[in-house]
Protein backbone atom coordinates (compact mmCIF):
# COMPACT_ATOMS: atom_id res chain seq x y z
CA UNK A 1 -64.24 80.56 23.52
CA UNK A 2 -61.76 83.20 24.47
CA UNK A 3 -58.67 83.52 22.49
CA UNK A 4 -56.12 81.19 24.13
CA UNK A 5 -53.55 82.52 22.03
CA UNK A 6 -53.49 85.88 23.28
CA UNK A 7 -53.49 84.61 26.94
CA UNK A 8 -50.40 82.61 26.29
CA UNK A 9 -48.44 85.50 24.94
CA UNK A 10 -49.17 87.46 28.16
CA UNK A 11 -47.12 84.60 30.06
CA UNK A 12 -43.63 85.21 31.00
CA UNK A 13 -42.25 82.14 29.60
CA UNK A 14 -38.71 82.43 31.07
CA UNK A 15 -40.31 82.19 34.49
CA UNK A 16 -42.29 79.00 33.45
CA UNK A 17 -39.24 77.57 31.77
CA UNK A 18 -37.19 77.89 34.88
CA UNK A 19 -39.79 76.37 37.05
CA UNK A 20 -40.19 73.48 34.48
CA UNK A 21 -36.57 73.07 34.38
CA UNK A 22 -36.15 72.60 37.98
CA UNK A 23 -39.12 70.82 39.10
CA UNK A 24 -40.56 68.97 36.46
CA UNK A 25 -44.07 70.87 36.30
CA UNK A 26 -45.38 74.07 36.86
CA UNK A 27 -49.40 75.27 36.88
CA UNK A 28 -50.69 78.08 35.05
CA UNK A 29 -53.96 79.49 36.54
CA UNK A 30 -57.10 81.19 34.88
CA UNK A 31 -56.14 79.49 31.28
CA UNK A 32 -59.88 78.70 30.65
CA UNK A 33 -62.84 80.67 31.85
CA UNK A 34 -66.18 79.03 33.01
CA UNK A 35 -67.62 78.95 29.63
CA UNK A 36 -64.62 77.30 28.04
CA UNK A 37 -64.76 74.49 30.66
CA UNK A 38 -68.46 74.05 30.16
CA UNK A 39 -68.30 73.82 26.43
CA UNK A 40 -65.39 71.29 26.65
CA UNK A 41 -67.37 69.26 29.25
CA UNK A 42 -70.62 69.37 27.00
CA UNK A 43 -68.48 68.33 23.89
CA UNK A 44 -67.69 65.01 25.60
CA UNK A 45 -70.90 63.34 24.43
CA UNK A 46 -70.48 64.86 20.74
CA UNK A 47 -68.84 61.67 18.86
CA UNK A 48 -67.85 63.64 15.90
CA UNK A 49 -64.73 65.12 17.63
CA UNK A 50 -63.12 61.73 18.34
CA UNK A 51 -61.26 58.98 16.91
CA UNK A 52 -61.22 56.56 19.90
CA UNK A 53 -63.03 55.82 23.12
CA UNK A 54 -61.16 53.96 25.80
CA UNK A 55 -63.08 52.27 28.97
CA UNK A 56 -60.36 52.43 31.41
CA UNK A 57 -61.80 49.47 33.42
CA UNK A 58 -61.47 47.14 30.33
CA UNK A 59 -57.56 47.53 30.13
CA UNK A 60 -56.98 47.90 33.86
CA UNK A 61 -55.97 51.23 33.46
CA UNK A 62 -58.13 52.65 36.41
CA UNK A 63 -61.75 53.63 36.19
CA UNK A 64 -63.16 56.22 33.95
CA UNK A 65 -63.50 56.95 30.28
CA UNK A 66 -61.44 58.89 27.82
CA UNK A 67 -61.64 59.98 24.41
CA UNK A 68 -58.71 60.71 21.72
CA UNK A 69 -59.74 63.73 19.54
CA UNK A 70 -59.07 63.19 15.65
CA UNK A 71 -57.59 65.41 13.23
CA UNK A 72 -58.33 68.14 12.42
CA UNK A 73 -58.42 69.09 16.18
CA UNK A 74 -61.11 71.74 17.57
CA UNK A 75 -59.36 75.25 17.04
CA UNK A 76 -58.77 75.68 21.06
CA UNK A 77 -56.66 72.36 21.10
CA UNK A 78 -54.87 73.32 17.90
CA UNK A 79 -54.14 76.68 19.22
CA UNK A 80 -52.86 75.56 22.43
CA UNK A 81 -50.42 73.17 21.08
CA UNK A 82 -49.22 75.58 18.39
CA UNK A 83 -48.40 78.44 20.72
CA UNK A 84 -46.94 76.27 23.65
CA UNK A 85 -44.71 73.90 21.67
CA UNK A 86 -41.97 76.28 20.84
CA UNK A 87 -41.95 77.61 24.18
CA UNK A 88 -41.42 74.12 25.63
CA UNK A 89 -38.79 73.28 23.32
CA UNK A 90 -35.97 75.06 24.98
CA UNK A 91 -36.50 73.00 28.26
CA UNK A 92 -36.84 69.74 26.32
CA UNK A 93 -33.72 70.37 24.53
CA UNK A 94 -31.89 71.39 27.57
CA UNK A 95 -32.80 68.29 29.47
CA UNK A 96 -31.57 66.09 26.53
CA UNK A 97 -28.24 67.85 26.75
CA UNK A 98 -27.83 67.65 30.65
CA UNK A 99 -28.37 63.82 30.28
CA UNK A 100 -25.85 63.44 27.31
CA UNK A 101 -28.71 61.93 25.12
CA UNK A 102 -28.38 62.37 21.39
CA UNK A 103 -31.79 63.87 20.96
CA UNK A 104 -32.76 67.25 19.67
CA UNK A 105 -36.26 68.58 19.14
CA UNK A 106 -37.27 70.76 16.35
CA UNK A 107 -38.37 74.25 16.83
CA UNK A 108 -41.89 73.75 15.02
CA UNK A 109 -44.71 71.23 15.98
CA UNK A 110 -45.24 70.57 12.26
CA UNK A 111 -41.52 69.26 12.21
CA UNK A 112 -42.03 66.97 15.15
CA UNK A 113 -45.12 65.60 13.55
CA UNK A 114 -43.21 64.78 10.25
CA UNK A 115 -40.76 62.91 12.53
CA UNK A 116 -43.59 61.06 13.96
CA UNK A 117 -45.08 60.30 10.68
CA UNK A 118 -41.85 58.63 9.45
CA UNK A 119 -41.87 56.41 12.43
CA UNK A 120 -45.53 55.35 11.64
CA UNK A 121 -47.14 57.87 14.21
CA UNK A 122 -49.81 59.72 12.82
CA UNK A 123 -52.85 59.69 14.97
CA UNK A 124 -53.86 62.69 17.18
CA UNK A 125 -53.23 62.27 20.85
CA UNK A 126 -55.24 65.06 22.75
CA UNK A 127 -57.65 63.68 24.65
CA UNK A 128 -60.53 64.37 27.17
CA UNK A 129 -61.03 62.21 30.56
CA UNK A 130 -64.11 61.74 32.50
CA UNK A 131 -64.16 60.15 36.12
CA UNK A 132 -67.02 59.58 38.16
CA UNK A 133 -67.32 58.61 41.85
CA UNK A 134 -64.77 55.85 42.31
CA UNK A 135 -62.76 56.81 39.06
CA UNK A 136 -59.08 56.87 39.09
CA UNK A 137 -56.17 56.38 36.69
CA UNK A 138 -53.06 54.23 37.35
CA UNK A 139 -49.62 55.67 37.41
CA UNK A 140 -48.41 55.71 33.51
CA UNK A 141 -46.64 57.58 30.81
CA UNK A 142 -47.99 59.06 27.53
CA UNK A 143 -45.56 57.83 25.02
CA UNK A 144 -47.28 56.37 21.96
CA UNK A 145 -44.18 55.26 20.37
CA UNK A 146 -40.54 55.89 19.81
CA UNK A 147 -40.97 59.51 18.94
CA UNK A 148 -42.31 61.25 21.86
CA UNK A 149 -42.03 64.92 23.20
CA UNK A 150 -40.94 64.96 26.89
CA UNK A 151 -43.38 67.36 28.24
CA UNK A 152 -47.15 67.64 28.01
CA UNK A 153 -49.96 69.50 29.68
CA UNK A 154 -53.49 68.91 31.43
CA UNK A 155 -56.30 71.38 31.54
CA UNK A 156 -58.83 71.02 34.74
CA UNK A 157 -62.34 71.60 33.62
CA UNK A 158 -64.37 71.23 37.14
CA UNK A 159 -63.74 72.83 40.52
CA UNK A 160 -62.09 70.71 42.90
CA UNK A 161 -63.94 72.40 45.71
CA UNK A 162 -67.67 72.15 44.49
CA UNK A 163 -67.72 69.68 41.67
CA UNK A 164 -65.71 66.63 42.97
CA UNK A 165 -63.58 65.57 45.85
CA UNK A 166 -60.68 63.21 45.67
CA UNK A 167 -59.31 62.90 42.37
CA UNK A 168 -55.99 64.64 42.87
CA UNK A 169 -53.13 64.54 40.37
CA UNK A 170 -50.40 62.44 41.36
CA UNK A 171 -46.89 62.15 40.19
CA UNK A 172 -44.02 59.85 41.34
CA UNK A 173 -40.65 60.64 40.85
CA UNK A 174 -38.12 57.65 40.97
CA UNK A 175 -34.47 58.48 41.99
CA UNK A 176 -31.97 55.77 41.26
CA UNK A 177 -31.29 53.44 44.14
CA UNK A 178 -33.91 55.39 46.36
CA UNK A 179 -37.55 55.27 47.38
CA UNK A 180 -40.20 56.88 45.08
CA UNK A 181 -41.24 60.70 46.04
CA UNK A 182 -45.14 61.39 45.46
CA UNK A 183 -46.10 64.79 44.22
CA UNK A 184 -49.85 65.50 44.90
CA UNK A 185 -51.61 68.45 43.16
CA UNK A 186 -55.02 69.90 42.90
CA UNK A 187 -55.11 72.85 40.46
CA UNK A 188 -58.17 75.03 40.41
CA UNK A 189 -60.79 74.99 37.54
CA UNK A 190 -59.46 76.57 34.47
CA UNK A 191 -55.63 75.82 35.24
CA UNK A 192 -53.21 74.22 33.06
CA UNK A 193 -50.64 71.92 34.38
CA UNK A 194 -47.34 71.53 32.36
CA UNK A 195 -45.37 68.21 33.43
CA UNK A 196 -42.61 65.91 32.15
CA UNK A 197 -43.84 62.95 30.16
CA UNK A 198 -41.43 60.37 31.24
CA UNK A 199 -38.24 61.95 32.94
CA UNK A 200 -36.37 64.82 33.90
CA UNK A 201 -32.55 65.56 34.91
CA UNK A 202 -31.46 66.22 38.33
CA UNK A 203 -28.22 67.54 39.20
CA UNK A 204 -25.97 65.73 41.55
CA UNK A 205 -22.55 65.92 42.85
CA UNK A 206 -21.18 64.04 39.79
CA UNK A 207 -23.40 66.10 37.10
CA UNK A 208 -26.89 65.26 36.02
CA UNK A 209 -28.75 61.80 36.45
CA UNK A 210 -32.18 60.83 35.16
CA UNK A 211 -35.34 60.91 37.32
CA UNK A 212 -38.17 58.81 35.93
CA UNK A 213 -41.64 60.12 36.45
CA UNK A 214 -45.17 58.53 36.05
CA UNK A 215 -48.47 60.40 36.63
CA UNK A 216 -52.08 59.53 37.64
CA UNK A 217 -55.13 60.39 39.27
CA UNK A 218 -56.18 59.30 42.83
CA UNK A 219 -59.87 57.91 43.59
CA UNK A 220 -62.58 60.40 43.25
CA UNK A 221 -64.73 60.17 46.24
CA UNK A 222 -67.77 62.09 45.05
CA UNK A 223 -69.00 63.98 41.82
CA UNK A 224 -67.57 64.14 38.24
CA UNK A 225 -64.01 65.44 37.13
CA UNK A 226 -63.14 66.22 33.62
CA UNK A 227 -59.70 67.11 31.96
CA UNK A 228 -58.10 67.86 28.69
CA UNK A 229 -54.94 66.35 28.06
CA UNK A 230 -52.40 68.20 25.65
CA UNK A 231 -49.74 65.59 24.10
CA UNK A 232 -47.65 67.09 21.34
CA UNK A 233 -46.29 63.86 19.79
CA UNK A 234 -48.54 61.69 17.42
CA UNK A 235 -49.56 58.09 18.01
CA UNK A 236 -49.37 54.49 16.16
CA UNK A 237 -52.85 53.63 17.54
């Protein structure tokens, strides 16, 4: 696989941070090449990488399968998390400040994981997901415990133009005392979507207020859809 760390060094993170702060998500294209995507998809059937497999229908989460990686993570995942986390911390901390929350995130991922461990959260959360025809994911938030980082990412491993149809990435934005707003995205193969885990601030006439967010996947009409989820905090189970 190509060196993801070098690619992430070429990104103008100030622009990414600005977009994230304003709208709660941003798409980076060409993060992975075709070989990267193919290698990750092929690894889906290699059980030694994973600590847990979830059949979504069993828990009424949707229809499809996802697998949580075990520690130590594959080098690609570890590189992405280690490189990205410090770039996202300024946005996360500004959100907490805007919403007047008594929360501050450390500059290093290892320090976040130490906090998680003290709270009984020590299991890896990065995961790979697979949907076939009829597959979907209900709206949810990836929290996994009391300690959570408010931003996460997903890498798209298939081409929405040729490998599958349907299967759009969906987010809902719940403004207080108003109807929910839906955001529907179709990132290209190899793209990374960075988005809010559960909420973001929005500026109003009297200062900032909290907008709750959820995300999911619409029903896949044909083909297969694989994605790789990058979550920074650890889980209890």
